[in-house]
């Protein structure tokens, strides 16, 4: 299974997920973003990839807050992460293989 599939599956059962399960999913997304930063965006000048550095730092400092969000808020965030991962998958497919974090 891919992370995108896991995000979609989590969205379907989000109200039933406990805080630990939510936290685990957000940590997987964070790990995948870090992998994309070092592989798919390798060679991109730092001033052109500051957005992902900022996103990673923001997610790292907000892990507990994100995992504790109400279902509607977290659902919106997960949908946006799924879209971003799909875009980064497309970029990385044309460059190198990026490992999926499980």
C-alpha atoms as a PDB file:
ATOM      1  CA  UNK A   1       0.000   0.000   0.000  1.00  0.00           C
ATOM      2  CA  UNK A   2       1.080   3.531  -0.658  1.00  0.00           C
ATOM      3  CA  UNK A   3       0.927   6.442   1.717  1.00  0.00           C
ATOM      4  CA  UNK A   4      -1.726   8.067  -0.474  1.00  0.00           C
ATOM      5  CA  UNK A   5      -3.886   4.952  -0.120  1.00  0.00           C
ATOM      6  CA  UNK A   6      -3.358   4.937   3.633  1.00  0.00           C
ATOM      7  CA  UNK A   7      -4.376   8.591   3.823  1.00  0.00           C
ATOM      8  CA  UNK A   8      -7.560   7.878   1.843  1.00  0.00           C
ATOM      9  CA  UNK A   9      -8.346   4.899   4.080  1.00  0.00           C
ATOM     10  CA  UNK A  10      -7.732   6.985   7.203  1.00  0.00           C
ATOM     11  CA  UNK A  11     -10.076   9.682   5.916  1.00  0.00           C
ATOM     12  CA  UNK A  12     -12.864   7.114   5.692  1.00  0.00           C
ATOM     13  CA  UNK A  13     -12.502   6.062   9.334  1.00  0.00           C
ATOM     14  CA  UNK A  14     -11.125   9.291  10.776  1.00  0.00           C
ATOM     15  CA  UNK A  15     -13.795   9.664  13.489  1.00  0.00           C
ATOM     16  CA  UNK A  16     -12.811   6.240  14.846  1.00  0.00           C
ATOM     17  CA  UNK A  17      -9.044   6.836  14.850  1.00  0.00           C
ATOM     18  CA  UNK A  18      -7.520   7.494  18.245  1.00  0.00           C
ATOM     19  CA  UNK A  19      -4.917  10.165  18.843  1.00  0.00           C
ATOM     20  CA  UNK A  20      -2.008   7.684  18.543  1.00  0.00           C
ATOM     21  CA  UNK A  21      -3.206   6.437  15.156  1.00  0.00           C
ATOM     22  CA  UNK A  22      -3.617   9.992  13.926  1.00  0.00           C
ATOM     23  CA  UNK A  23      -0.161  10.893  15.214  1.00  0.00           C
ATOM     24  CA  UNK A  24       1.344   7.853  13.484  1.00  0.00           C
ATOM     25  CA  UNK A  25      -0.214   8.854  10.168  1.00  0.00           C
ATOM     26  CA  UNK A  26       1.022  12.450  10.454  1.00  0.00           C
ATOM     27  CA  UNK A  27       4.509  11.176  11.309  1.00  0.00           C
ATOM     28  CA  UNK A  28       4.465   8.983   8.176  1.00  0.00           C
ATOM     29  CA  UNK A  29       3.439  11.971   6.070  1.00  0.00           C
ATOM     30  CA  UNK A  30       6.242  14.001   7.646  1.00  0.00           C
ATOM     31  CA  UNK A  31       8.762  11.256   6.879  1.00  0.00           C
ATOM     32  CA  UNK A  32       7.598  11.121   3.281  1.00  0.00           C
ATOM     33  CA  UNK A  33       7.906  14.895   2.914  1.00  0.00           C
ATOM     34  CA  UNK A  34      11.450  14.705   4.278  1.00  0.00           C
ATOM     35  CA  UNK A  35      12.254  11.939   1.780  1.00  0.00           C
ATOM     36  CA  UNK A  36      10.913  14.040  -1.090  1.00  0.00           C
ATOM     37  CA  UNK A  37      12.963  17.003   0.086  1.00  0.00           C
ATOM     38  CA  UNK A  38      16.197  15.035  -0.129  1.00  0.00           C
ATOM     39  CA  UNK A  39      15.412  13.052  -3.284  1.00  0.00           C
ATOM     40  CA  UNK A  40      12.775  14.535  -5.570  1.00  0.00           C
ATOM     41  CA  UNK A  41      13.871  18.102  -4.867  1.00  0.00           C
ATOM     42  CA  UNK A  42      17.581  17.347  -4.849  1.00  0.00           C
ATOM     43  CA  UNK A  43      19.430  19.882  -6.914  1.00  0.00           C
ATOM     44  CA  UNK A  44      16.687  22.481  -6.582  1.00  0.00           C
ATOM     45  CA  UNK A  45      18.210  25.712  -5.237  1.00  0.00           C
ATOM     46  CA  UNK A  46      17.426  26.322  -1.551  1.00  0.00           C
ATOM     47  CA  UNK A  47      15.514  29.513  -2.318  1.00  0.00           C
ATOM     48  CA  UNK A  48      13.167  27.484  -4.545  1.00  0.00           C
ATOM     49  CA  UNK A  49      12.433  24.773  -1.980  1.00  0.00           C
ATOM     50  CA  UNK A  50      12.076  26.860   1.177  1.00  0.00           C
ATOM     51  CA  UNK A  51       8.345  26.085   1.079  1.00  0.00           C
ATOM     52  CA  UNK A  52       8.921  22.407   1.867  1.00  0.00           C
ATOM     53  CA  UNK A  53      11.450  23.252   4.583  1.00  0.00           C
ATOM     54  CA  UNK A  54       8.887  25.573   6.149  1.00  0.00           C
ATOM     55  CA  UNK A  55       6.133  22.954   5.853  1.00  0.00           C
ATOM     56  CA  UNK A  56       8.290  20.234   7.422  1.00  0.00           C
ATOM     57  CA  UNK A  57       9.316  22.508  10.301  1.00  0.00           C
ATOM     58  CA  UNK A  58       5.729  23.583  10.864  1.00  0.00           C
ATOM     59  CA  UNK A  59       4.415  20.022  10.919  1.00  0.00           C
ATOM     60  CA  UNK A  60       7.223  18.901  13.261  1.00  0.00           C
ATOM     61  CA  UNK A  61       6.414  21.608  15.784  1.00  0.00           C
ATOM     62  CA  UNK A  62       2.655  21.000  15.515  1.00  0.00           C
ATOM     63  CA  UNK A  63       2.449  17.183  15.549  1.00  0.00           C
ATOM     64  CA  UNK A  64       0.440  16.964  18.773  1.00  0.00           C
ATOM     65  CA  UNK A  65      -1.831  19.824  17.793  1.00  0.00           C
ATOM     66  CA  UNK A  66      -2.531  18.298  14.358  1.00  0.00           C
ATOM     67  CA  UNK A  67      -3.216  14.848  15.802  1.00  0.00           C
ATOM     68  CA  UNK A  68      -5.656  16.375  18.303  1.00  0.00           C
ATOM     69  CA  UNK A  69      -7.658  18.393  15.761  1.00  0.00           C
ATOM     70  CA  UNK A  70     -11.338  17.765  15.382  1.00  0.00           C
ATOM     71  CA  UNK A  71     -12.297  15.405  12.599  1.00  0.00           C
ATOM     72  CA  UNK A  72     -13.375  18.035  10.059  1.00  0.00           C
ATOM     73  CA  UNK A  73     -10.171  20.065  10.408  1.00  0.00           C
ATOM     74  CA  UNK A  74      -7.914  17.025  10.211  1.00  0.00           C
ATOM     75  CA  UNK A  75      -9.828  15.677   7.236  1.00  0.00           C
ATOM     76  CA  UNK A  76      -9.148  18.884   5.332  1.00  0.00           C
ATOM     77  CA  UNK A  77      -5.448  18.724   6.165  1.00  0.00           C
ATOM     78  CA  UNK A  78      -5.176  15.059   5.161  1.00  0.00           C
ATOM     79  CA  UNK A  79      -6.857  15.747   1.820  1.00  0.00           C
ATOM     80  CA  UNK A  80      -4.362  18.532   1.114  1.00  0.00           C
ATOM     81  CA  UNK A  81      -1.429  16.315   2.124  1.00  0.00           C
ATOM     82  CA  UNK A  82      -2.735  13.618  -0.213  1.00  0.00           C
ATOM     83  CA  UNK A  83      -2.786  16.114  -3.095  1.00  0.00           C
ATOM     84  CA  UNK A  84       0.716  17.362  -2.284  1.00  0.00           C
ATOM     85  CA  UNK A  85       2.077  13.821  -2.099  1.00  0.00           C
ATOM     86  CA  UNK A  86       0.518  13.029  -5.472  1.00  0.00           C
ATOM     87  CA  UNK A  87       2.271  16.050  -7.005  1.00  0.00           C
ATOM     88  CA  UNK A  88       5.591  15.133  -5.395  1.00  0.00           C
ATOM     89  CA  UNK A  89       5.139  11.529  -6.558  1.00  0.00           C
ATOM     90  CA  UNK A  90       4.808  12.828 -10.097  1.00  0.00           C
ATOM     91  CA  UNK A  91       7.945  14.910  -9.781  1.00  0.00           C
ATOM     92  CA  UNK A  92       9.924  12.093  -8.233  1.00  0.00           C
ATOM     93  CA  UNK A  93       8.744   9.541 -10.802  1.00  0.00           C
ATOM     94  CA  UNK A  94      10.442  11.587 -13.461  1.00  0.00           C
ATOM     95  CA  UNK A  95      13.653  11.873 -11.415  1.00  0.00           C
ATOM     96  CA  UNK A  96      14.333   9.055  -8.932  1.00  0.00           C
ATOM     97  CA  UNK A  97      12.595   6.427  -6.842  1.00  0.00           C
ATOM     98  CA  UNK A  98      11.558   7.777  -3.431  1.00  0.00           C
ATOM     99  CA  UNK A  99      11.035   5.198  -0.697  1.00  0.00           C
ATOM    100  CA  UNK A 100       7.573   5.034   0.874  1.00  0.00           C
ATOM    101  CA  UNK A 101       7.563   5.189   4.656  1.00  0.00           C
ATOM    102  CA  UNK A 102       5.489   2.546   6.460  1.00  0.00           C
END
